[in-house]
Amino acid sequence: MNIAETVKSVMSPPHKAGYPFIIGGIVVAALGLLIGYPLTWLGLIFALFCLYFFRDPERVPPPRTDVFLAPADGLVVSIEQATPPPELGLAPEPRTRVAIFLSVLDVHVNRVPISGTVQKIAYHPGLFLSAAEDKASDDNERNTMLLRTASGQDVVVVQIAGLIARRILCEVTEGQELLAGQRFGIIRFGSRTDLYLPEGCTPLVAVGQRMIGGETVIAELSLKAASFP
């Protein structure tokens, strides 16, 4: 990302979930003018941080229907075989899971990895361990979405709360048809997003690689599925 793109991303309008925090910071800053200037500075700093944290830049998905896109910005912290969350009721068979850790400096808007129809959305209460830890996938609070592609393959996307995060927002409903790269939710403050790929899909990314949600290609559909029908 060049300097112009970086500036454009930082200056992008905030997600609607950030407005209460931004306005709250401005109100505190205004009160500080009456009570004391230190409060004004704290309010302004908080408002500016929230304006940055909740930024929601536009993304341009690649013109392909046979690939899986990163569901979030951040760092790939693990690629391994794992069983999808049990609340979905899927067969307990391991799938390739790509886990993306989002620091407080990353864009936290989640995006649809591939076009499809939402089959199920399930919320699971849990702990608030560091989202960078492997056990966060099983132990932390999470919201899970099961997406079915036009070729009939099931894709699982999991929004996971982190050490600081205390709120997961999923803005789509069961039965809704989604497009690749479309926004579907946001996680407030440090978090993690897991993507469970269908059988036969090989990741094209590596641990330690940075993702751009809605743009970075994570994997390709298997040849059999890509040629459907």
C-alpha atoms as a PDB file:
ATOM      1  CA  MET A   1       0.000   0.000   0.000  1.00  0.00           C
ATOM      2  CA  ASN A   2       1.492   3.351  -1.087  1.00  0.00           C
ATOM      3  CA  ILE A   3       1.370   6.602   0.891  1.00  0.00           C
ATOM      4  CA  ALA A   4      -1.721   7.908  -0.918  1.00  0.00           C
ATOM      5  CA  GLU A   5      -3.647   4.694  -0.263  1.00  0.00           C
ATOM      6  CA  THR A   6      -2.555   4.697   3.388  1.00  0.00           C
ATOM      7  CA  VAL A   7      -3.759   8.274   3.893  1.00  0.00           C
ATOM      8  CA  LYS A   8      -7.040   7.478   2.140  1.00  0.00           C
ATOM      9  CA  SER A   9      -7.548   4.459   4.399  1.00  0.00           C
ATOM     10  CA  VAL A  10      -6.810   6.404   7.594  1.00  0.00           C
ATOM     11  CA  MET A  11      -9.094   9.277   6.564  1.00  0.00           C
ATOM     12  CA  SER A  12     -12.007   7.036   5.531  1.00  0.00           C
ATOM     13  CA  PRO A  13     -15.414   7.578   7.203  1.00  0.00           C
ATOM     14  CA  PRO A  14     -16.049   5.540  10.376  1.00  0.00           C
ATOM     15  CA  HIS A  15     -18.337   2.529  10.636  1.00  0.00           C
ATOM     16  CA  LYS A  16     -21.690   3.407  12.191  1.00  0.00           C
ATOM     17  CA  ALA A  17     -20.825   1.332  15.270  1.00  0.00           C
ATOM     18  CA  GLY A  18     -18.180   3.914  16.134  1.00  0.00           C
ATOM     19  CA  TYR A  19     -20.426   6.973  16.258  1.00  0.00           C
ATOM     20  CA  PRO A  20     -21.497   6.573  19.934  1.00  0.00           C
ATOM     21  CA  PHE A  21     -17.827   6.422  20.996  1.00  0.00           C
ATOM     22  CA  ILE A  22     -16.731   9.312  18.802  1.00  0.00           C
ATOM     23  CA  ILE A  23     -19.609  11.501  19.937  1.00  0.00           C
ATOM     24  CA  GLY A  24     -18.943  10.491  23.543  1.00  0.00           C
ATOM     25  CA  GLY A  25     -15.351  11.658  23.242  1.00  0.00           C
ATOM     26  CA  ILE A  26     -16.456  14.975  21.771  1.00  0.00           C
ATOM     27  CA  VAL A  27     -18.969  15.467  24.609  1.00  0.00           C
ATOM     28  CA  VAL A  28     -16.252  14.804  27.198  1.00  0.00           C
ATOM     29  CA  ALA A  29     -13.986  17.277  25.414  1.00  0.00           C
ATOM     30  CA  ALA A  30     -16.735  19.896  25.501  1.00  0.00           C
ATOM     31  CA  LEU A  31     -17.334  19.326  29.207  1.00  0.00           C
ATOM     32  CA  GLY A  32     -13.624  19.769  29.758  1.00  0.00           C
ATOM     33  CA  LEU A  33     -13.927  23.349  28.562  1.00  0.00           C
ATOM     34  CA  LEU A  34     -16.118  23.950  31.607  1.00  0.00           C
ATOM     35  CA  ILE A  35     -14.429  21.661  34.127  1.00  0.00           C
ATOM     36  CA  GLY A  36     -10.776  21.567  33.157  1.00  0.00           C
ATOM     37  CA  TYR A  37      -8.611  21.385  30.047  1.00  0.00           C
ATOM     38  CA  PRO A  38      -7.022  17.999  30.896  1.00  0.00           C
ATOM     39  CA  LEU A  39     -10.474  16.465  30.414  1.00  0.00           C
ATOM     40  CA  THR A  40     -10.745  18.226  27.059  1.00  0.00           C
ATOM     41  CA  TRP A  41      -7.512  16.660  25.866  1.00  0.00           C
ATOM     42  CA  LEU A  42      -8.572  13.212  27.073  1.00  0.00           C
ATOM     43  CA  GLY A  43     -11.878  13.544  25.259  1.00  0.00           C
ATOM     44  CA  LEU A  44     -10.231  14.671  22.038  1.00  0.00           C
ATOM     45  CA  ILE A  45      -7.618  11.912  22.152  1.00  0.00           C
ATOM     46  CA  PHE A  46     -10.325   9.292  22.742  1.00  0.00           C
ATOM     47  CA  ALA A  47     -12.497  10.671  19.918  1.00  0.00           C
ATOM     48  CA  LEU A  48      -9.563  10.707  17.499  1.00  0.00           C
ATOM     49  CA  PHE A  49      -8.572   7.158  18.461  1.00  0.00           C
ATOM     50  CA  CYS A  50     -12.138   5.928  17.882  1.00  0.00           C
ATOM     51  CA  LEU A  51     -12.294   7.800  14.566  1.00  0.00           C
ATOM     52  CA  TYR A  52      -9.164   5.896  13.540  1.00  0.00           C
ATOM     53  CA  PHE A  53     -10.182   2.547  15.010  1.00  0.00           C
ATOM     54  CA  PHE A  54     -13.650   2.488  13.420  1.00  0.00           C
ATOM     55  CA  ARG A  55     -12.447   3.601   9.983  1.00  0.00           C
ATOM     56  CA  ASP A  56     -14.258   1.776   7.215  1.00  0.00           C
ATOM     57  CA  PRO A  57     -12.338   2.101   3.927  1.00  0.00           C
ATOM     58  CA  GLU A  58     -13.753   0.976   0.611  1.00  0.00           C
ATOM     59  CA  ARG A  59     -12.257  -2.226  -0.761  1.00  0.00           C
ATOM     60  CA  VAL A  60     -12.163  -3.587  -4.316  1.00  0.00           C
ATOM     61  CA  PRO A  61     -12.521  -7.404  -4.506  1.00  0.00           C
ATOM     62  CA  PRO A  62     -10.736  -9.154  -7.390  1.00  0.00           C
ATOM     63  CA  PRO A  63     -13.046  -9.942 -10.354  1.00  0.00           C
ATOM     64  CA  ARG A  64     -13.106 -13.677  -9.653  1.00  0.00           C
ATOM     65  CA  THR A  65     -15.837 -15.922  -8.275  1.00  0.00           C
ATOM     66  CA  ASP A  66     -13.604 -18.930  -7.597  1.00  0.00           C
ATOM     67  CA  VAL A  67     -11.513 -17.527  -4.731  1.00  0.00           C
ATOM     68  CA  PHE A  68     -11.819 -16.931  -0.991  1.00  0.00           C
ATOM     69  CA  LEU A  69     -10.975 -13.442   0.218  1.00  0.00           C
ATOM     70  CA  ALA A  70      -9.627 -12.430   3.611  1.00  0.00           C
ATOM     71  CA  PRO A  71     -12.598 -11.805   5.934  1.00  0.00           C
ATOM     72  CA  ALA A  72     -10.593  -9.250   7.918  1.00  0.00           C
ATOM     73  CA  ASP A  73      -7.483  -7.099   7.990  1.00  0.00           C
ATOM     74  CA  GLY A  74      -4.675  -8.355  10.178  1.00  0.00           C
ATOM     75  CA  LEU A  75      -1.939 -10.933  10.574  1.00  0.00           C
ATOM     76  CA  VAL A  76      -2.272 -14.646   9.798  1.00  0.00           C
ATOM     77  CA  VAL A  77      -1.326 -16.304  13.098  1.00  0.00           C
ATOM     78  CA  SER A  78      -2.076 -19.932  12.245  1.00  0.00           C
ATOM     79  CA  ILE A  79      -3.051 -22.259   9.400  1.00  0.00           C
ATOM     80  CA  GLU A  80      -4.057 -25.682  10.667  1.00  0.00           C
ATOM     81  CA  GLN A  81      -6.628 -28.443  10.602  1.00  0.00           C
ATOM     82  CA  ALA A  82      -9.461 -27.821  13.063  1.00  0.00           C
ATOM     83  CA  THR A  83     -13.082 -28.762  13.642  1.00  0.00           C
ATOM     84  CA  PRO A  84     -15.619 -25.951  13.064  1.00  0.00           C
ATOM     85  CA  PRO A  85     -17.521 -24.640  16.117  1.00  0.00           C
ATOM     86  CA  PRO A  86     -20.027 -27.293  17.289  1.00  0.00           C
ATOM     87  CA  GLU A  87     -22.944 -24.831  17.456  1.00  0.00           C
ATOM     88  CA  LEU A  88     -23.267 -25.023  13.672  1.00  0.00           C
ATOM     89  CA  GLY A  89     -24.152 -28.721  13.783  1.00  0.00           C
ATOM     90  CA  LEU A  90     -21.694 -29.649  11.022  1.00  0.00           C
ATOM     91  CA  ALA A  91     -19.985 -33.022  10.803  1.00  0.00           C
ATOM     92  CA  PRO A  92     -17.034 -33.110  13.239  1.00  0.00           C
ATOM     93  CA  GLU A  93     -14.469 -33.374  10.477  1.00  0.00           C
ATOM     94  CA  PRO A  94     -11.346 -31.181  10.503  1.00  0.00           C
ATOM     95  CA  ARG A  95     -11.068 -28.435   7.918  1.00  0.00           C
ATOM     96  CA  THR A  96      -8.280 -26.043   7.049  1.00  0.00           C
ATOM     97  CA  ARG A  97      -8.602 -23.034   9.345  1.00  0.00           C
ATOM     98  CA  VAL A  98      -6.901 -19.726   8.605  1.00  0.00           C
ATOM     99  CA  ALA A  99      -6.809 -17.520  11.718  1.00  0.00           C
ATOM    100  CA  ILE A 100      -6.322 -13.756  11.382  1.00  0.00           C
ATOM    101  CA  PHE A 101      -5.400 -11.632  14.395  1.00  0.00           C
ATOM    102  CA  LEU A 102      -6.594  -8.031  14.406  1.00  0.00           C
ATOM    103  CA  SER A 103      -4.655  -5.585  16.574  1.00  0.00           C
ATOM    104  CA  VAL A 104      -6.216  -2.316  17.738  1.00  0.00           C
ATOM    105  CA  LEU A 105      -4.461  -0.640  14.784  1.00  0.00           C
ATOM    106  CA  ASP A 106      -6.156  -2.792  12.124  1.00  0.00           C
ATOM    107  CA  VAL A 107      -9.452  -2.107  10.360  1.00  0.00           C
ATOM    108  CA  HIS A 108     -12.020  -4.150  12.296  1.00  0.00           C
ATOM    109  CA  VAL A 109     -14.808  -4.339   9.714  1.00  0.00           C
ATOM    110  CA  ASN A 110     -15.400  -7.956   8.666  1.00  0.00           C
ATOM    111  CA  ARG A 111     -16.050  -8.875   5.033  1.00  0.00           C
ATOM    112  CA  VAL A 112     -17.640 -11.816   3.233  1.00  0.00           C
ATOM    113  CA  PRO A 113     -14.951 -14.224   1.935  1.00  0.00           C
ATOM    114  CA  ILE A 114     -16.985 -15.575  -1.000  1.00  0.00           C
ATOM    115  CA  SER A 115     -20.451 -15.037  -2.442  1.00  0.00           C
ATOM    116  CA  GLY A 116     -23.129 -17.282  -0.992  1.00  0.00           C
ATOM    117  CA  THR A 117     -26.228 -17.617   1.176  1.00  0.00           C
ATOM    118  CA  VAL A 118     -26.183 -17.418   4.970  1.00  0.00           C
ATOM    119  CA  GLN A 119     -27.342 -20.796   6.300  1.00  0.00           C
ATOM    120  CA  LYS A 120     -26.910 -20.227  10.006  1.00  0.00           C
ATOM    121  CA  ILE A 121     -25.637 -17.656  12.507  1.00  0.00           C
ATOM    122  CA  ALA A 122     -24.792 -18.792  16.031  1.00  0.00           C
ATOM    123  CA  TYR A 123     -23.548 -16.825  19.029  1.00  0.00           C
ATOM    124  CA  HIS A 124     -21.480 -18.552  21.716  1.00  0.00           C
ATOM    125  CA  PRO A 125     -20.566 -16.843  25.018  1.00  0.00           C
ATOM    126  CA  GLY A 126     -17.076 -17.369  26.324  1.00  0.00           C
ATOM    127  CA  LEU A 127     -13.888 -15.901  27.748  1.00  0.00           C
ATOM    128  CA  PHE A 128     -11.852 -12.885  26.661  1.00  0.00           C
ATOM    129  CA  LEU A 129      -8.377 -14.353  26.298  1.00  0.00           C
ATOM    130  CA  SER A 130      -5.815 -12.786  24.001  1.00  0.00           C
ATOM    131  CA  ALA A 131      -7.103 -13.329  20.455  1.00  0.00           C
ATOM    132  CA  ALA A 132      -3.565 -14.181  19.311  1.00  0.00           C
ATOM    133  CA  GLU A 133      -3.658 -17.452  21.305  1.00  0.00           C
ATOM    134  CA  ASP A 134      -4.724 -20.679  19.565  1.00  0.00           C
ATOM    135  CA  LYS A 135      -7.198 -21.556  22.318  1.00  0.00           C
ATOM    136  CA  ALA A 136      -9.098 -18.322  21.654  1.00  0.00           C
ATOM    137  CA  SER A 137     -10.904 -20.124  18.805  1.00  0.00           C
ATOM    138  CA  ASP A 138     -12.454 -22.554  21.293  1.00  0.00           C
ATOM    139  CA  ASP A 139     -12.645 -20.614  24.554  1.00  0.00           C
ATOM    140  CA  ASN A 140     -13.457 -17.007  23.654  1.00  0.00           C
ATOM    141  CA  GLU A 141     -16.786 -15.354  22.987  1.00  0.00           C
ATOM    142  CA  ARG A 142     -17.600 -15.751  19.307  1.00  0.00           C
ATOM    143  CA  ASN A 143     -20.177 -15.347  16.574  1.00  0.00           C
ATOM    144  CA  THR A 144     -20.186 -17.969  13.831  1.00  0.00           C
ATOM    145  CA  MET A 145     -21.626 -17.696  10.327  1.00  0.00           C
ATOM    146  CA  LEU A 146     -22.207 -20.623   7.978  1.00  0.00           C
ATOM    147  CA  LEU A 147     -22.172 -19.570   4.339  1.00  0.00           C
ATOM    148  CA  ARG A 148     -23.088 -21.851   1.412  1.00  0.00           C
ATOM    149  CA  THR A 149     -21.696 -21.088  -2.039  1.00  0.00           C
ATOM    150  CA  ALA A 150     -23.560 -21.534  -5.328  1.00  0.00           C
ATOM    151  CA  SER A 151     -21.594 -24.752  -5.814  1.00  0.00           C
ATOM    152  CA  GLY A 152     -22.968 -26.122  -2.527  1.00  0.00           C
ATOM    153  CA  GLN A 153     -19.808 -25.835  -0.443  1.00  0.00           C
ATOM    154  CA  ASP A 154     -20.045 -24.760   3.178  1.00  0.00           C
ATOM    155  CA  VAL A 155     -17.762 -21.992   4.404  1.00  0.00           C
ATOM    156  CA  VAL A 156     -17.447 -20.991   8.067  1.00  0.00           C
ATOM    157  CA  VAL A 157     -16.456 -17.534   9.283  1.00  0.00           C
ATOM    158  CA  VAL A 158     -15.989 -16.921  13.009  1.00  0.00           C
ATOM    159  CA  GLN A 159     -15.781 -13.508  14.683  1.00  0.00           C
ATOM    160  CA  ILE A 160     -13.890 -13.912  17.967  1.00  0.00           C
ATOM    161  CA  ALA A 161     -13.656 -11.398  20.805  1.00  0.00           C
ATOM    162  CA  GLY A 162     -10.224 -10.696  22.247  1.00  0.00           C
ATOM    163  CA  LEU A 163      -8.622  -9.478  25.440  1.00  0.00           C
ATOM    164  CA  ILE A 164     -10.008  -5.964  25.029  1.00  0.00           C
ATOM    165  CA  ALA A 165     -12.954  -6.607  22.728  1.00  0.00           C
ATOM    166  CA  ARG A 166     -16.325  -6.867  24.432  1.00  0.00           C
ATOM    167  CA  ARG A 167     -18.735  -6.554  21.556  1.00  0.00           C
ATOM    168  CA  ILE A 168     -19.212  -8.521  18.341  1.00  0.00           C
ATOM    169  CA  LEU A 169     -21.617  -7.112  15.760  1.00  0.00           C
ATOM    170  CA  CYS A 170     -23.002  -9.301  12.966  1.00  0.00           C
ATOM    171  CA  GLU A 171     -25.187  -7.277  10.616  1.00  0.00           C
ATOM    172  CA  VAL A 172     -26.575 -10.003   8.340  1.00  0.00           C
ATOM    173  CA  THR A 173     -29.386 -12.517   8.808  1.00  0.00           C
ATOM    174  CA  GLU A 174     -29.982 -16.163   7.983  1.00  0.00           C
ATOM    175  CA  GLY A 175     -31.199 -16.662   4.437  1.00  0.00           C
ATOM    176  CA  GLN A 176     -29.531 -13.487   3.204  1.00  0.00           C
ATOM    177  CA  GLU A 177     -27.508 -13.635  -0.010  1.00  0.00           C
ATOM    178  CA  LEU A 178     -24.083 -12.020   0.307  1.00  0.00           C
ATOM    179  CA  LEU A 179     -21.446 -10.944  -2.182  1.00  0.00           C
ATOM    180  CA  ALA A 180     -17.706 -11.471  -1.836  1.00  0.00           C
ATOM    181  CA  GLY A 181     -16.101  -8.476  -0.148  1.00  0.00           C
ATOM    182  CA  GLN A 182     -19.391  -7.216   1.290  1.00  0.00           C
ATOM    183  CA  ARG A 183     -19.326  -5.933   4.880  1.00  0.00           C
ATOM    184  CA  PHE A 184     -21.096  -8.221   7.323  1.00  0.00           C
ATOM    185  CA  GLY A 185     -20.034  -7.027  10.783  1.00  0.00           C
ATOM    186  CA  ILE A 186     -17.402  -5.552  13.055  1.00  0.00           C
ATOM    187  CA  ILE A 187     -15.612  -6.479  16.285  1.00  0.00           C
ATOM    188  CA  ARG A 188     -14.867  -3.667  18.697  1.00  0.00           C
ATOM    189  CA  PHE A 189     -11.159  -3.468  19.626  1.00  0.00           C
ATOM    190  CA  GLY A 190      -8.557  -6.296  19.520  1.00  0.00           C
ATOM    191  CA  SER A 191     -10.004  -9.494  18.071  1.00  0.00           C
ATOM    192  CA  ARG A 192      -9.621 -12.436  15.694  1.00  0.00           C
ATOM    193  CA  THR A 193     -11.421 -13.813  12.639  1.00  0.00           C
ATOM    194  CA  ASP A 194     -11.199 -17.468  11.625  1.00  0.00           C
ATOM    195  CA  LEU A 195     -12.015 -18.834   8.179  1.00  0.00           C
ATOM    196  CA  TYR A 196     -12.714 -22.558   7.735  1.00  0.00           C
ATOM    197  CA  LEU A 197     -12.192 -23.586   4.116  1.00  0.00           C
ATOM    198  CA  PRO A 198     -14.103 -26.376   2.335  1.00  0.00           C
ATOM    199  CA  GLU A 199     -12.400 -29.671   1.585  1.00  0.00           C
ATOM    200  CA  GLY A 200      -9.919 -29.543  -1.262  1.00  0.00           C
ATOM    201  CA  CYS A 201      -9.030 -25.862  -0.856  1.00  0.00           C
ATOM    202  CA  THR A 202      -5.356 -25.130  -0.321  1.00  0.00           C
ATOM    203  CA  PRO A 203      -4.381 -21.814   1.357  1.00  0.00           C
ATOM    204  CA  LEU A 204      -2.342 -19.422  -0.774  1.00  0.00           C
ATOM    205  CA  VAL A 205      -1.171 -17.412   2.235  1.00  0.00           C
ATOM    206  CA  ALA A 206       1.378 -18.066   4.963  1.00  0.00           C
ATOM    207  CA  VAL A 207       1.633 -17.528   8.706  1.00  0.00           C
ATOM    208  CA  GLY A 208       2.956 -14.039   9.342  1.00  0.00           C
ATOM    209  CA  GLN A 209       1.426 -12.587   6.173  1.00  0.00           C
ATOM    210  CA  ARG A 210      -0.714  -9.442   6.435  1.00  0.00           C
ATOM    211  CA  MET A 211      -4.256  -9.529   5.093  1.00  0.00           C
ATOM    212  CA  ILE A 212      -6.401  -6.812   3.534  1.00  0.00           C
ATOM    213  CA  GLY A 213     -10.026  -7.679   4.190  1.00  0.00           C
ATOM    214  CA  GLY A 214     -12.097  -8.095   1.042  1.00  0.00           C
ATOM    215  CA  GLU A 215      -9.065  -7.976  -1.249  1.00  0.00           C
ATOM    216  CA  THR A 216      -6.354 -10.511  -0.304  1.00  0.00           C
ATOM    217  CA  VAL A 217      -6.955 -13.929  -1.891  1.00  0.00           C
ATOM    218  CA  ILE A 218      -6.643 -16.628   0.788  1.00  0.00           C
ATOM    219  CA  ALA A 219      -7.451 -19.712  -1.303  1.00  0.00           C
ATOM    220  CA  GLU A 220      -9.021 -20.948  -4.529  1.00  0.00           C
ATOM    221  CA  LEU A 221     -12.074 -23.148  -4.863  1.00  0.00           C
ATOM    222  CA  SER A 222     -11.293 -26.741  -5.753  1.00  0.00           C
ATOM    223  CA  LEU A 223     -11.430 -27.410  -9.505  1.00  0.00           C
ATOM    224  CA  LYS A 224     -14.535 -29.570  -9.065  1.00  0.00           C
ATOM    225  CA  ALA A 225     -16.426 -26.862  -7.217  1.00  0.00           C
ATOM    226  CA  ALA A 226     -15.178 -24.058  -9.455  1.00  0.00           C
ATOM    227  CA  SER A 227     -16.552 -25.828 -12.529  1.00  0.00           C
ATOM    228  CA  PHE A 228     -20.062 -26.192 -10.998  1.00  0.00           C
ATOM    229  CA  PRO A 229     -22.608 -26.684 -12.440  1.00  0.00           C
END
